[in-house]
C-alpha cells in the first residue's frame, strides 16, 4: 500500500506571548465555532520551519526567497570567475533573468559612509524562491554565454529544486513555466478554546536620570494572549518525489519537514515573552486516500474547568482521528510522541520518543516506495 499523504497533528501550549501580530500589533485571531480563537498564520509557521531547517540540512538543500536574485547570481559568478569585471557580470546576469521573463528593475542608490553613494543592484518586482543550486546554475549559464536561451534558463530553474522549493513551491507571475507546485499544505494554527487578548502596560526609566527625578521615561502597551494550539500540516508524497526527482530524497525531505514543523516556533516578540515551548503531542498519520485536518474536534471550544486545556484537547483530538474511519479507510500507520501526561490518551500506550517517530516515518515511507 502506497503512502500518498503524511498528516502532522500537533498540540502545543504557549504562555503569554505575541507569536504572530496583525497590522495593529495585536496577536492574530479568528472566529471559529462562533468563538474568538488565538491564531498563528500558516506563513509564520512555514517561515519558522524554514529557519529550523538550517539546524539540520545542508546549505545545498536550502533555498532563498528574495527580490535580490540578480545580486545572488552576480555574487556566485564572482566566486566562479573572480577576474570578470562587475559590469560584465551584471550585464550577463541581467540577460539570464530577462530571457526568463524576470527582468529586474533599478533600485535607489545605497549610501555608503566611506565612499558616498553607490548604485543599488536591480531587484525583481516580487519575492522569488530559488534553491541555492539553481542560483549557481543560473550563474554558470551567465558565465558560459552572453546570449543565454530561454530553454537553458528554464532547465536550470526546473531542476535541483532542493528541499525547500520542493516542499513550499514557487509562484512566478511573469513566467508560469518557472512555477513549482507546493507539496506541503500548512493550516493556520488555532487555539482549541476561546482566547482573550490582554494588554501589558509597561514603563522604563533612564539609567542616567537624576535620583530625585520622578516618573517614567518611556510608557507603552504590548498586547498578548496565551493558548493551547492545534497545528496541522500535510505532505503530498507523490508531488514531493516529483519535485525532487528522487524517492530517497523525498523521504529525507519529509522527515526533515516533520522534524522542523514540530520543533519550530515563530519568533514574534520572543525576547519579550520567552515563549518557546515544545509540543504536548505530535501525531503523524500516513494515509493513502486523502489528507484529513482534524480541527473539527475543536469546533466547540474546549473549557478548562480548573483542569487545564491539554487533557481535554488531546481527548477530543484522539476521538476525532478515530472517527475518520467512519468515512475513510484506516490509515497505513500512526506514530505518536507526547511530552505531557495530559496528552497520553493520544498515544494509547504506544508513544515513542520524537527522534524515533521521525525514524519510523522514514522507514514506513521507504517500505511504501519499495512495494509500489
Foldseek 3Di string as FASTA:
>chain_A
DFFFKKKKKFWAWWDWDQQDADPVQAFDWDQFLNFIWGWAAQVLLLVQLLVVLVVPDDLQQHKDWFQVLLVLLLVLLCVVPVPDDSVLSSLLLQLLCVLLQFRFDFDCWDQDPVPGTDGDRGTGPGIWMAGNQLSNQSSVQSVVDSHDHNVSNLVSLQASRHLSCLAQWTCDPRHRSSTADHQKDWHIKIFLAHKDKDKDWDFADDPPDDPPDDDGPDIDIHITIIGTIIIMMMGRLVSSCVSHVHNLSSLVSVLSSSVSSQQTGRCHCCVVRVTRDGTQKMKIFGADPDDDDQSVLRSPHADCPVPDGLLSVLVSSQVSLVCVCVPDPGTPDMAMAGDDPSNCVNCVPPHDHPVVVSVVSSVVNVVSVVVD
